[in-house]
Amino acid sequence: MRRRLAVALALTTTAAALLAPSASAAEFWQGVWETKNKFGHPRLKLVQDGRDVHGKYFDDNGNLKGKIKGTLSDHKDDWTGTYRDLDGADRGKFHVELKGDRVSFEGWFKSCGTFTCSRKYNWTGEHS
């Protein structure tokens, strides 16, 4: 009887471990991202809270340029949002998708004025 109970407990524990999402998978957007676009290599420092991701972005020289925020899709592979300058003025919109390796993304961004936005520019990034 004890042996059956021990086997059942071991199987239950193993199944729970396999089915539970890992902490790293749940927060794969968190951290520092080295990115590249037509205009430079901005660095992102991101914090993830569930489906909300926000942080700061820095220019090629490490100077703080502004804030970025967005929401993840249900499957957490797509991140869509806005970025703004330090003074709080809206600067633009973006959409990126996590690649299969889970440490890089591809997507686009565009800068926006009061009435219109620029065309979309390619944007890629890798988790540091």
C-alpha atoms as a PDB file:
ATOM      1  CA  MET A   1       0.000   0.000   0.000  1.00  0.00           C
ATOM      2  CA  ARG A   2       2.784   2.444   0.891  1.00  0.00           C
ATOM      3  CA  ARG A   3       4.580   1.639  -2.335  1.00  0.00           C
ATOM      4  CA  ARG A   4       1.437   2.403  -4.397  1.00  0.00           C
ATOM      5  CA  LEU A   5       0.981   5.662  -2.527  1.00  0.00           C
ATOM      6  CA  ALA A   6       4.628   6.618  -3.111  1.00  0.00           C
ATOM      7  CA  VAL A   7       4.367   5.817  -6.837  1.00  0.00           C
ATOM      8  CA  ALA A   8       1.106   7.774  -7.145  1.00  0.00           C
ATOM      9  CA  LEU A   9       2.641  10.763  -5.349  1.00  0.00           C
ATOM     10  CA  ALA A  10       5.742  10.651  -7.562  1.00  0.00           C
ATOM     11  CA  LEU A  11       3.624  10.516 -10.734  1.00  0.00           C
ATOM     12  CA  THR A  12       1.439  13.398  -9.554  1.00  0.00           C
ATOM     13  CA  THR A  13       4.474  15.539  -8.707  1.00  0.00           C
ATOM     14  CA  THR A  14       6.109  14.793 -12.070  1.00  0.00           C
ATOM     15  CA  ALA A  15       2.913  15.612 -13.993  1.00  0.00           C
ATOM     16  CA  ALA A  16       2.470  18.881 -12.098  1.00  0.00           C
ATOM     17  CA  ALA A  17       6.047  19.903 -12.857  1.00  0.00           C
ATOM     18  CA  LEU A  18       5.613  19.169 -16.561  1.00  0.00           C
ATOM     19  CA  LEU A  19       2.308  21.023 -16.855  1.00  0.00           C
ATOM     20  CA  ALA A  20       3.215  24.098 -14.791  1.00  0.00           C
ATOM     21  CA  PRO A  21       4.634  27.040 -16.754  1.00  0.00           C
ATOM     22  CA  SER A  22       8.216  27.809 -15.874  1.00  0.00           C
ATOM     23  CA  ALA A  23       9.009  31.161 -14.277  1.00  0.00           C
ATOM     24  CA  SER A  24      11.472  32.018 -17.042  1.00  0.00           C
ATOM     25  CA  ALA A  25       8.888  31.357 -19.766  1.00  0.00           C
ATOM     26  CA  ALA A  26       6.357  33.523 -17.964  1.00  0.00           C
ATOM     27  CA  GLU A  27       8.740  36.483 -17.866  1.00  0.00           C
ATOM     28  CA  PHE A  28      10.781  36.142 -21.045  1.00  0.00           C
ATOM     29  CA  TRP A  29      10.412  39.854 -21.933  1.00  0.00           C
ATOM     30  CA  GLN A  30      11.929  41.016 -18.633  1.00  0.00           C
ATOM     31  CA  GLY A  31      15.514  42.271 -18.679  1.00  0.00           C
ATOM     32  CA  VAL A  32      17.852  44.079 -21.057  1.00  0.00           C
ATOM     33  CA  TRP A  33      17.408  43.906 -24.837  1.00  0.00           C
ATOM     34  CA  GLU A  34      19.989  45.043 -27.388  1.00  0.00           C
ATOM     35  CA  THR A  35      18.017  46.224 -30.417  1.00  0.00           C
ATOM     36  CA  LYS A  36      18.765  47.421 -33.923  1.00  0.00           C
ATOM     37  CA  ASN A  37      16.880  49.574 -36.395  1.00  0.00           C
ATOM     38  CA  LYS A  38      17.624  51.918 -39.310  1.00  0.00           C
ATOM     39  CA  PHE A  39      18.533  54.748 -36.948  1.00  0.00           C
ATOM     40  CA  GLY A  40      20.730  53.011 -34.387  1.00  0.00           C
ATOM     41  CA  HIS A  41      21.024  50.419 -31.649  1.00  0.00           C
ATOM     42  CA  PRO A  42      18.749  51.407 -28.757  1.00  0.00           C
ATOM     43  CA  ARG A  43      18.893  49.392 -25.553  1.00  0.00           C
ATOM     44  CA  LEU A  44      15.701  48.480 -23.685  1.00  0.00           C
ATOM     45  CA  LYS A  45      15.451  47.771 -19.969  1.00  0.00           C
ATOM     46  CA  LEU A  46      12.106  46.055 -19.440  1.00  0.00           C
ATOM     47  CA  VAL A  47       9.969  44.911 -16.531  1.00  0.00           C
ATOM     48  CA  GLN A  48       7.190  42.387 -17.114  1.00  0.00           C
ATOM     49  CA  ASP A  49       4.110  42.187 -14.926  1.00  0.00           C
ATOM     50  CA  GLY A  50       1.815  39.543 -16.366  1.00  0.00           C
ATOM     51  CA  ARG A  51       0.791  40.774 -19.811  1.00  0.00           C
ATOM     52  CA  ASP A  52       2.028  44.338 -19.182  1.00  0.00           C
ATOM     53  CA  VAL A  53       5.611  45.167 -20.153  1.00  0.00           C
ATOM     54  CA  HIS A  54       7.150  48.591 -19.554  1.00  0.00           C
ATOM     55  CA  GLY A  55      10.559  50.135 -19.219  1.00  0.00           C
ATOM     56  CA  LYS A  56      13.075  52.623 -20.523  1.00  0.00           C
ATOM     57  CA  TYR A  57      15.015  52.958 -23.736  1.00  0.00           C
ATOM     58  CA  PHE A  58      18.510  54.330 -24.205  1.00  0.00           C
ATOM     59  CA  ASP A  59      20.375  55.649 -27.255  1.00  0.00           C
ATOM     60  CA  ASP A  60      23.617  54.242 -28.719  1.00  0.00           C
ATOM     61  CA  ASN A  61      25.639  56.189 -26.125  1.00  0.00           C
ATOM     62  CA  GLY A  62      23.670  54.877 -23.150  1.00  0.00           C
ATOM     63  CA  ASN A  63      21.706  58.101 -22.616  1.00  0.00           C
ATOM     64  CA  LEU A  64      18.151  57.679 -21.363  1.00  0.00           C
ATOM     65  CA  LYS A  65      15.804  58.717 -24.173  1.00  0.00           C
ATOM     66  CA  GLY A  66      12.337  57.783 -22.989  1.00  0.00           C
ATOM     67  CA  LYS A  67       9.828  55.240 -21.785  1.00  0.00           C
ATOM     68  CA  ILE A  68       8.224  52.302 -23.542  1.00  0.00           C
ATOM     69  CA  LYS A  69       5.143  50.300 -22.610  1.00  0.00           C
ATOM     70  CA  GLY A  70       2.816  47.776 -24.105  1.00  0.00           C
ATOM     71  CA  THR A  71       0.684  44.702 -23.705  1.00  0.00           C
ATOM     72  CA  LEU A  72       1.483  41.116 -24.614  1.00  0.00           C
ATOM     73  CA  SER A  73      -0.836  38.952 -26.671  1.00  0.00           C
ATOM     74  CA  ASP A  74      -2.587  36.032 -24.976  1.00  0.00           C
ATOM     75  CA  HIS A  75       0.251  33.667 -25.910  1.00  0.00           C
ATOM     76  CA  LYS A  76       2.835  36.322 -24.808  1.00  0.00           C
ATOM     77  CA  ASP A  77       4.868  36.117 -28.032  1.00  0.00           C
ATOM     78  CA  ASP A  78       3.638  39.455 -29.461  1.00  0.00           C
ATOM     79  CA  TRP A  79       4.212  42.807 -27.747  1.00  0.00           C
ATOM     80  CA  THR A  80       2.370  45.925 -28.951  1.00  0.00           C
ATOM     81  CA  GLY A  81       2.557  49.392 -27.484  1.00  0.00           C
ATOM     82  CA  THR A  82       3.841  52.948 -27.505  1.00  0.00           C
ATOM     83  CA  TYR A  83       7.003  54.807 -26.654  1.00  0.00           C
ATOM     84  CA  ARG A  84       7.476  58.398 -25.512  1.00  0.00           C
ATOM     85  CA  ASP A  85      10.177  60.948 -24.817  1.00  0.00           C
ATOM     86  CA  LEU A  86      11.310  61.874 -21.324  1.00  0.00           C
ATOM     87  CA  ASP A  87       9.034  64.939 -21.383  1.00  0.00           C
ATOM     88  CA  GLY A  88       6.048  62.600 -21.760  1.00  0.00           C
ATOM     89  CA  ALA A  89       5.246  63.516 -25.367  1.00  0.00           C
ATOM     90  CA  ASP A  90       4.111  60.554 -27.468  1.00  0.00           C
ATOM     91  CA  ARG A  91       6.742  59.516 -29.982  1.00  0.00           C
ATOM     92  CA  GLY A  92       5.394  56.419 -31.662  1.00  0.00           C
ATOM     93  CA  LYS A  93       4.002  52.897 -31.823  1.00  0.00           C
ATOM     94  CA  PHE A  94       5.524  49.448 -32.199  1.00  0.00           C
ATOM     95  CA  HIS A  95       4.749  45.767 -32.624  1.00  0.00           C
ATOM     96  CA  VAL A  96       7.305  42.979 -32.194  1.00  0.00           C
ATOM     97  CA  GLU A  97       7.109  39.192 -32.161  1.00  0.00           C
ATOM     98  CA  LEU A  98       9.323  36.863 -30.189  1.00  0.00           C
ATOM     99  CA  LYS A  99      11.178  34.413 -32.429  1.00  0.00           C
ATOM    100  CA  GLY A 100      11.218  30.669 -31.792  1.00  0.00           C
ATOM    101  CA  ASP A 101      14.529  30.891 -29.933  1.00  0.00           C
ATOM    102  CA  ARG A 102      12.744  32.966 -27.219  1.00  0.00           C
ATOM    103  CA  VAL A 103      15.720  35.352 -26.954  1.00  0.00           C
ATOM    104  CA  SER A 104      15.218  37.550 -30.022  1.00  0.00           C
ATOM    105  CA  PHE A 105      12.417  39.501 -31.676  1.00  0.00           C
ATOM    106  CA  GLU A 106      11.471  41.000 -35.034  1.00  0.00           C
ATOM    107  CA  GLY A 107       8.929  43.660 -35.749  1.00  0.00           C
ATOM    108  CA  TRP A 108       8.388  47.308 -36.570  1.00  0.00           C
ATOM    109  CA  PHE A 109       8.095  50.759 -35.045  1.00  0.00           C
ATOM    110  CA  LYS A 110       6.944  54.100 -36.364  1.00  0.00           C
ATOM    111  CA  SER A 111       7.242  57.609 -35.024  1.00  0.00           C
ATOM    112  CA  CYS A 112       4.098  59.677 -34.706  1.00  0.00           C
ATOM    113  CA  GLY A 113       3.362  63.369 -34.662  1.00  0.00           C
ATOM    114  CA  THR A 114       0.180  65.127 -33.632  1.00  0.00           C
ATOM    115  CA  PHE A 115      -1.825  63.993 -36.653  1.00  0.00           C
ATOM    116  CA  THR A 116       0.141  61.351 -38.573  1.00  0.00           C
ATOM    117  CA  CYS A 117       2.698  58.576 -38.157  1.00  0.00           C
ATOM    118  CA  SER A 118       5.718  57.725 -40.274  1.00  0.00           C
ATOM    119  CA  ARG A 119       5.977  54.558 -42.271  1.00  0.00           C
ATOM    120  CA  LYS A 120       6.932  51.381 -40.396  1.00  0.00           C
ATOM    121  CA  TYR A 121      10.632  50.674 -39.884  1.00  0.00           C
ATOM    122  CA  ASN A 122      12.066  47.203 -39.228  1.00  0.00           C
ATOM    123  CA  TRP A 123      13.175  46.570 -35.659  1.00  0.00           C
ATOM    124  CA  THR A 124      15.045  43.568 -34.244  1.00  0.00           C
ATOM    125  CA  GLY A 125      16.388  42.752 -30.807  1.00  0.00           C
ATOM    126  CA  GLU A 126      18.214  40.169 -28.709  1.00  0.00           C
ATOM    127  CA  HIS A 127      17.968  39.532 -24.977  1.00  0.00           C
ATOM    128  CA  SER A 128      21.254  40.339 -23.223  1.00  0.00           C
END
